[in-house]
Amino acid sequence: IDALGVALSWRDIILVVGGGFLVWKAT
C-alpha cells in the first residue's frame, strides 16, 4: 500500500481483519 508506505503479508492481513473484528465486537 504505497499511500501508507506499508507492505502487508498474509499474517498482517489476518491480524488486521481479526483485530478489526475484535474492535467491532467489543465496541
PDB file of all heavy atoms in Angstrom:
ATOM      1  N   ILE A   1       0.869  -1.182   0.000  1.00  0.00           N
ATOM      2  CA  ILE A   1       0.000   0.000   0.000  1.00  0.00           C
ATOM      3  C   ILE A   1       0.899   1.223   0.000  1.00  0.00           C
ATOM      4  O   ILE A   1       1.422   1.632   1.049  1.00  0.00           O
ATOM      5  CB  ILE A   1      -0.946  -0.001   1.221  1.00  0.00           C
ATOM      6  CG1 ILE A   1      -1.761  -1.293   1.264  1.00  0.00           C
ATOM      7  CG2 ILE A   1      -1.884   1.212   1.172  1.00  0.00           C
ATOM      8  CD1 ILE A   1      -2.674  -1.401   2.477  1.00  0.00           C
ATOM      9  N   ASP A   2       1.104   1.789  -1.186  1.00  0.00           N
ATOM     10  CA  ASP A   2       2.037   2.911  -1.316  1.00  0.00           C
ATOM     11  C   ASP A   2       1.583   4.125  -0.510  1.00  0.00           C
ATOM     12  O   ASP A   2       2.410   4.865   0.034  1.00  0.00           O
ATOM     13  CB  ASP A   2       2.180   3.298  -2.791  1.00  0.00           C
ATOM     14  CG  ASP A   2       2.843   2.190  -3.609  1.00  0.00           C
ATOM     15  OD1 ASP A   2       3.683   1.480  -3.025  1.00  0.00           O
ATOM     16  OD2 ASP A   2       2.513   2.039  -4.805  1.00  0.00           O
ATOM     17  N   ALA A   3       0.269   4.340  -0.438  1.00  0.00           N
ATOM     18  CA  ALA A   3      -0.237   5.519   0.263  1.00  0.00           C
ATOM     19  C   ALA A   3       0.136   5.493   1.744  1.00  0.00           C
ATOM     20  O   ALA A   3       0.356   6.541   2.355  1.00  0.00           O
ATOM     21  CB  ALA A   3      -1.757   5.607   0.104  1.00  0.00           C
ATOM     22  N   LEU A   4       0.189   4.285   2.314  1.00  0.00           N
ATOM     23  CA  LEU A   4       0.545   4.145   3.720  1.00  0.00           C
ATOM     24  C   LEU A   4       2.006   3.784   3.922  1.00  0.00           C
ATOM     25  O   LEU A   4       2.503   3.811   5.042  1.00  0.00           O
ATOM     26  CB  LEU A   4      -0.337   3.072   4.384  1.00  0.00           C
ATOM     27  CG  LEU A   4      -1.845   3.340   4.379  1.00  0.00           C
ATOM     28  CD1 LEU A   4      -2.586   2.170   5.017  1.00  0.00           C
ATOM     29  CD2 LEU A   4      -2.160   4.631   5.127  1.00  0.00           C
ATOM     30  N   GLY A   5       2.672   3.434   2.812  1.00  0.00           N
ATOM     31  CA  GLY A   5       4.073   3.051   2.912  1.00  0.00           C
ATOM     32  C   GLY A   5       4.297   1.745   3.651  1.00  0.00           C
ATOM     33  O   GLY A   5       5.288   1.594   4.370  1.00  0.00           O
ATOM     34  N   VAL A   6       3.355   0.801   3.496  1.00  0.00           N
ATOM     35  CA  VAL A   6       3.482  -0.481   4.180  1.00  0.00           C
ATOM     36  C   VAL A   6       3.337  -1.616   3.187  1.00  0.00           C
ATOM     37  O   VAL A   6       2.691  -1.479   2.138  1.00  0.00           O
ATOM     38  CB  VAL A   6       2.407  -0.638   5.294  1.00  0.00           C
ATOM     39  CG1 VAL A   6       2.600   0.392   6.376  1.00  0.00           C
ATOM     40  CG2 VAL A   6       1.007  -0.557   4.712  1.00  0.00           C
ATOM     41  N   ALA A   7       3.970  -2.737   3.503  1.00  0.00           N
ATOM     42  CA  ALA A   7       3.853  -3.962   2.723  1.00  0.00           C
ATOM     43  C   ALA A   7       3.262  -5.028   3.639  1.00  0.00           C
ATOM     44  O   ALA A   7       3.853  -5.367   4.668  1.00  0.00           O
ATOM     45  CB  ALA A   7       5.211  -4.401   2.185  1.00  0.00           C
ATOM     46  N   LEU A   8       2.096  -5.521   3.283  1.00  0.00           N
ATOM     47  CA  LEU A   8       1.381  -6.450   4.144  1.00  0.00           C
ATOM     48  C   LEU A   8       1.602  -7.892   3.710  1.00  0.00           C
ATOM     49  O   LEU A   8       1.541  -8.204   2.519  1.00  0.00           O
ATOM     50  CB  LEU A   8      -0.125  -6.148   4.123  1.00  0.00           C
ATOM     51  CG  LEU A   8      -0.559  -4.744   4.575  1.00  0.00           C
ATOM     52  CD1 LEU A   8      -2.075  -4.611   4.471  1.00  0.00           C
ATOM     53  CD2 LEU A   8      -0.099  -4.463   5.996  1.00  0.00           C
ATOM     54  N   SER A   9       1.854  -8.746   4.686  1.00  0.00           N
ATOM     55  CA  SER A   9       1.903 -10.184   4.443  1.00  0.00           C
ATOM     56  C   SER A   9       0.534 -10.767   4.784  1.00  0.00           C
ATOM     57  O   SER A   9      -0.348 -10.064   5.295  1.00  0.00           O
ATOM     58  CB  SER A   9       2.976 -10.826   5.326  1.00  0.00           C
ATOM     59  OG  SER A   9       2.635 -10.677   6.699  1.00  0.00           O
ATOM     60  N   TRP A  10       0.360 -12.080   4.517  1.00  0.00           N
ATOM     61  CA  TRP A  10      -0.899 -12.715   4.890  1.00  0.00           C
ATOM     62  C   TRP A  10      -1.111 -12.671   6.395  1.00  0.00           C
ATOM     63  O   TRP A  10      -2.233 -12.517   6.877  1.00  0.00           O
ATOM     64  CB  TRP A  10      -0.937 -14.155   4.390  1.00  0.00           C
ATOM     65  CG  TRP A  10      -1.275 -14.272   2.935  1.00  0.00           C
ATOM     66  CD1 TRP A  10      -0.485 -14.726   1.929  1.00  0.00           C
ATOM     67  CD2 TRP A  10      -2.529 -13.900   2.327  1.00  0.00           C
ATOM     68  NE1 TRP A  10      -1.144 -14.660   0.725  1.00  0.00           N
ATOM     69  CE2 TRP A  10      -2.405 -14.162   0.931  1.00  0.00           C
ATOM     70  CE3 TRP A  10      -3.723 -13.377   2.801  1.00  0.00           C
ATOM     71  CZ2 TRP A  10      -3.429 -13.910   0.034  1.00  0.00           C
ATOM     72  CZ3 TRP A  10      -4.758 -13.132   1.910  1.00  0.00           C
ATOM     73  CH2 TRP A  10      -4.607 -13.403   0.542  1.00  0.00           C
ATOM     74  N   ARG A  11      -0.018 -12.807   7.148  1.00  0.00           N
ATOM     75  CA  ARG A  11      -0.137 -12.689   8.615  1.00  0.00           C
ATOM     76  C   ARG A  11      -0.643 -11.309   8.998  1.00  0.00           C
ATOM     77  O   ARG A  11      -1.528 -11.176   9.852  1.00  0.00           O
ATOM     78  CB  ARG A  11       1.212 -12.947   9.272  1.00  0.00           C
ATOM     79  CG  ARG A  11       1.215 -12.663  10.780  1.00  0.00           C
ATOM     80  CD  ARG A  11       2.610 -12.866  11.364  1.00  0.00           C
ATOM     81  NE  ARG A  11       2.624 -12.563  12.792  1.00  0.00           N
ATOM     82  CZ  ARG A  11       2.893 -11.379  13.304  1.00  0.00           C
ATOM     83  NH1 ARG A  11       3.160 -10.348  12.474  1.00  0.00           N
ATOM     84  NH2 ARG A  11       2.916 -11.179  14.612  1.00  0.00           N
ATOM     85  N   ASP A  12      -0.097 -10.271   8.379  1.00  0.00           N
ATOM     86  CA  ASP A  12      -0.536  -8.905   8.681  1.00  0.00           C
ATOM     87  C   ASP A  12      -2.011  -8.716   8.348  1.00  0.00           C
ATOM     88  O   ASP A  12      -2.764  -8.108   9.115  1.00  0.00           O
ATOM     89  CB  ASP A  12       0.310  -7.892   7.890  1.00  0.00           C
ATOM     90  CG  ASP A  12       1.775  -7.935   8.275  1.00  0.00           C
ATOM     91  OD1 ASP A  12       2.067  -8.265   9.439  1.00  0.00           O
ATOM     92  OD2 ASP A  12       2.622  -7.647   7.408  1.00  0.00           O
ATOM     93  N   ILE A  13      -2.422  -9.254   7.200  1.00  0.00           N
ATOM     94  CA  ILE A  13      -3.823  -9.110   6.788  1.00  0.00           C
ATOM     95  C   ILE A  13      -4.744  -9.817   7.778  1.00  0.00           C
ATOM     96  O   ILE A  13      -5.803  -9.294   8.161  1.00  0.00           O
ATOM     97  CB  ILE A  13      -4.018  -9.672   5.367  1.00  0.00           C
ATOM     98  CG1 ILE A  13      -3.237  -8.811   4.351  1.00  0.00           C
ATOM     99  CG2 ILE A  13      -5.498  -9.719   4.995  1.00  0.00           C
ATOM    100  CD1 ILE A  13      -3.209  -9.382   2.952  1.00  0.00           C
ATOM    101  N   ILE A  14      -4.327 -11.018   8.222  1.00  0.00           N
ATOM    102  CA  ILE A  14      -5.129 -11.758   9.197  1.00  0.00           C
ATOM    103  C   ILE A  14      -5.221 -10.998  10.508  1.00  0.00           C
ATOM    104  O   ILE A  14      -6.294 -10.911  11.133  1.00  0.00           O
ATOM    105  CB  ILE A  14      -4.527 -13.158   9.417  1.00  0.00           C
ATOM    106  CG1 ILE A  14      -4.702 -14.007   8.148  1.00  0.00           C
ATOM    107  CG2 ILE A  14      -5.179 -13.853  10.610  1.00  0.00           C
ATOM    108  CD1 ILE A  14      -3.958 -15.316   8.180  1.00  0.00           C
ATOM    109  N   LEU A  15      -4.109 -10.394  10.931  1.00  0.00           N
ATOM    110  CA  LEU A  15      -4.116  -9.621  12.172  1.00  0.00           C
ATOM    111  C   LEU A  15      -5.019  -8.401  12.054  1.00  0.00           C
ATOM    112  O   LEU A  15      -5.756  -8.067  12.995  1.00  0.00           O
ATOM    113  CB  LEU A  15      -2.692  -9.188  12.537  1.00  0.00           C
ATOM    114  CG  LEU A  15      -1.731 -10.283  12.998  1.00  0.00           C
ATOM    115  CD1 LEU A  15      -0.370  -9.680  13.341  1.00  0.00           C
ATOM    116  CD2 LEU A  15      -2.284 -11.015  14.215  1.00  0.00           C
ATOM    117  N   VAL A  16      -4.963  -7.719  10.909  1.00  0.00           N
ATOM    118  CA  VAL A  16      -5.798  -6.527  10.709  1.00  0.00           C
ATOM    119  C   VAL A  16      -7.275  -6.908  10.713  1.00  0.00           C
ATOM    120  O   VAL A  16      -8.100  -6.265  11.382  1.00  0.00           O
ATOM    121  CB  VAL A  16      -5.420  -5.812   9.396  1.00  0.00           C
ATOM    122  CG1 VAL A  16      -6.446  -4.726   9.067  1.00  0.00           C
ATOM    123  CG2 VAL A  16      -4.033  -5.197   9.492  1.00  0.00           C
ATOM    124  N   VAL A  17      -7.622  -7.970   9.970  1.00  0.00           N
ATOM    125  CA  VAL A  17      -9.019  -8.402   9.913  1.00  0.00           C
ATOM    126  C   VAL A  17      -9.486  -8.904  11.287  1.00  0.00           C
ATOM    127  O   VAL A  17     -10.572  -8.534  11.763  1.00  0.00           O
ATOM    128  CB  VAL A  17      -9.208  -9.488   8.841  1.00  0.00           C
ATOM    129  CG1 VAL A  17     -10.623 -10.051   8.884  1.00  0.00           C
ATOM    130  CG2 VAL A  17      -8.911  -8.927   7.458  1.00  0.00           C
ATOM    131  N   GLY A  18      -8.673  -9.737  11.919  1.00  0.00           N
ATOM    132  CA  GLY A  18      -9.045 -10.261  13.237  1.00  0.00           C
ATOM    133  C   GLY A  18      -9.115  -9.172  14.291  1.00  0.00           C
ATOM    134  O   GLY A  18     -10.034  -9.146  15.117  1.00  0.00           O
ATOM    135  N   GLY A  19      -8.140  -8.262  14.261  1.00  0.00           N
ATOM    136  CA  GLY A  19      -8.168  -7.148  15.205  1.00  0.00           C
ATOM    137  C   GLY A  19      -9.364  -6.251  14.974  1.00  0.00           C
ATOM    138  O   GLY A  19     -10.002  -5.787  15.928  1.00  0.00           O
ATOM    139  N   GLY A  20      -9.681  -6.011  13.701  1.00  0.00           N
ATOM    140  CA  GLY A  20     -10.864  -5.213  13.383  1.00  0.00           C
ATOM    141  C   GLY A  20     -12.134  -5.870  13.887  1.00  0.00           C
ATOM    142  O   GLY A  20     -13.050  -5.189  14.382  1.00  0.00           O
ATOM    143  N   PHE A  21     -12.205  -7.201  13.764  1.00  0.00           N
ATOM    144  CA  PHE A  21     -13.372  -7.925  14.270  1.00  0.00           C
ATOM    145  C   PHE A  21     -13.488  -7.768  15.784  1.00  0.00           C
ATOM    146  O   PHE A  21     -14.586  -7.544  16.317  1.00  0.00           O
ATOM    147  CB  PHE A  21     -13.264  -9.405  13.903  1.00  0.00           C
ATOM    148  CG  PHE A  21     -14.359 -10.261  14.491  1.00  0.00           C
ATOM    149  CD1 PHE A  21     -15.629 -10.248  13.936  1.00  0.00           C
ATOM    150  CD2 PHE A  21     -14.119 -11.065  15.597  1.00  0.00           C
ATOM    151  CE1 PHE A  21     -16.647 -11.032  14.477  1.00  0.00           C
ATOM    152  CE2 PHE A  21     -15.122 -11.845  16.141  1.00  0.00           C
ATOM    153  CZ  PHE A  21     -16.394 -11.831  15.584  1.00  0.00           C
ATOM    154  N   LEU A  22     -12.352  -7.859  16.494  1.00  0.00           N
ATOM    155  CA  LEU A  22     -12.377  -7.689  17.942  1.00  0.00           C
ATOM    156  C   LEU A  22     -12.816  -6.279  18.328  1.00  0.00           C
ATOM    157  O   LEU A  22     -13.595  -6.094  19.276  1.00  0.00           O
ATOM    158  CB  LEU A  22     -10.993  -7.977  18.534  1.00  0.00           C
ATOM    159  CG  LEU A  22     -10.641  -9.432  18.846  1.00  0.00           C
ATOM    160  CD1 LEU A  22      -9.251  -9.508  19.461  1.00  0.00           C
ATOM    161  CD2 LEU A  22     -11.662 -10.058  19.770  1.00  0.00           C
ATOM    162  N   VAL A  23     -12.306  -5.271  17.608  1.00  0.00           N
ATOM    163  CA  VAL A  23     -12.695  -3.885  17.886  1.00  0.00           C
ATOM    164  C   VAL A  23     -14.193  -3.711  17.667  1.00  0.00           C
ATOM    165  O   VAL A  23     -14.899  -3.098  18.488  1.00  0.00           O
ATOM    166  CB  VAL A  23     -11.895  -2.905  16.999  1.00  0.00           C
ATOM    167  CG1 VAL A  23     -12.471  -1.492  17.097  1.00  0.00           C
ATOM    168  CG2 VAL A  23     -10.421  -2.903  17.404  1.00  0.00           C
ATOM    169  N   TRP A  24     -14.698  -4.249  16.553  1.00  0.00           N
ATOM    170  CA  TRP A  24     -16.130  -4.142  16.255  1.00  0.00           C
ATOM    171  C   TRP A  24     -16.960  -4.841  17.325  1.00  0.00           C
ATOM    172  O   TRP A  24     -17.959  -4.288  17.808  1.00  0.00           O
ATOM    173  CB  TRP A  24     -16.417  -4.750  14.884  1.00  0.00           C
ATOM    174  CG  TRP A  24     -17.885  -4.908  14.601  1.00  0.00           C
ATOM    175  CD1 TRP A  24     -18.773  -3.944  14.224  1.00  0.00           C
ATOM    176  CD2 TRP A  24     -18.653  -6.124  14.720  1.00  0.00           C
ATOM    177  NE1 TRP A  24     -20.039  -4.470  14.086  1.00  0.00           N
ATOM    178  CE2 TRP A  24     -19.999  -5.804  14.382  1.00  0.00           C
ATOM    179  CE3 TRP A  24     -18.327  -7.435  15.062  1.00  0.00           C
ATOM    180  CZ2 TRP A  24     -21.013  -6.754  14.392  1.00  0.00           C
ATOM    181  CZ3 TRP A  24     -19.332  -8.381  15.071  1.00  0.00           C
ATOM    182  CH2 TRP A  24     -20.662  -8.046  14.734  1.00  0.00           C
ATOM    183  N   LYS A  25     -16.549  -6.054  17.686  1.00  0.00           N
ATOM    184  CA  LYS A  25     -17.316  -6.826  18.664  1.00  0.00           C
ATOM    185  C   LYS A  25     -17.295  -6.154  20.028  1.00  0.00           C
ATOM    186  O   LYS A  25     -18.339  -6.050  20.701  1.00  0.00           O
ATOM    187  CB  LYS A  25     -16.740  -8.246  18.762  1.00  0.00           C
ATOM    188  CG  LYS A  25     -17.599  -9.200  19.576  1.00  0.00           C
ATOM    189  CD  LYS A  25     -18.943  -9.421  18.921  1.00  0.00           C
ATOM    190  CE  LYS A  25     -19.809 -10.375  19.726  1.00  0.00           C
ATOM    191  NZ  LYS A  25     -21.141 -10.546  19.121  1.00  0.00           N
ATOM    192  N   ALA A  26     -16.112  -5.702  20.464  1.00  0.00           N
ATOM    193  CA  ALA A  26     -16.011  -5.058  21.771  1.00  0.00           C
ATOM    194  C   ALA A  26     -16.807  -3.759  21.798  1.00  0.00           C
ATOM    195  O   ALA A  26     -17.494  -3.458  22.783  1.00  0.00           O
ATOM    196  CB  ALA A  26     -14.545  -4.785  22.105  1.00  0.00           C
ATOM    197  N   THR A  27     -16.734  -2.980  20.705  1.00  0.00           N
ATOM    198  CA  THR A  27     -17.489  -1.721  20.642  1.00  0.00           C
ATOM    199  C   THR A  27     -18.993  -1.986  20.712  1.00  0.00           C
ATOM    200  O   THR A  27     -19.728  -1.277  21.415  1.00  0.00           O
ATOM    201  CB  THR A  27     -17.156  -0.966  19.346  1.00  0.00           C
ATOM    202  OG1 THR A  27     -15.740  -0.717  19.292  1.00  0.00           O
ATOM    203  CG2 THR A  27     -17.893   0.359  19.274  1.00  0.00           C
TER     204      THR A  27
END
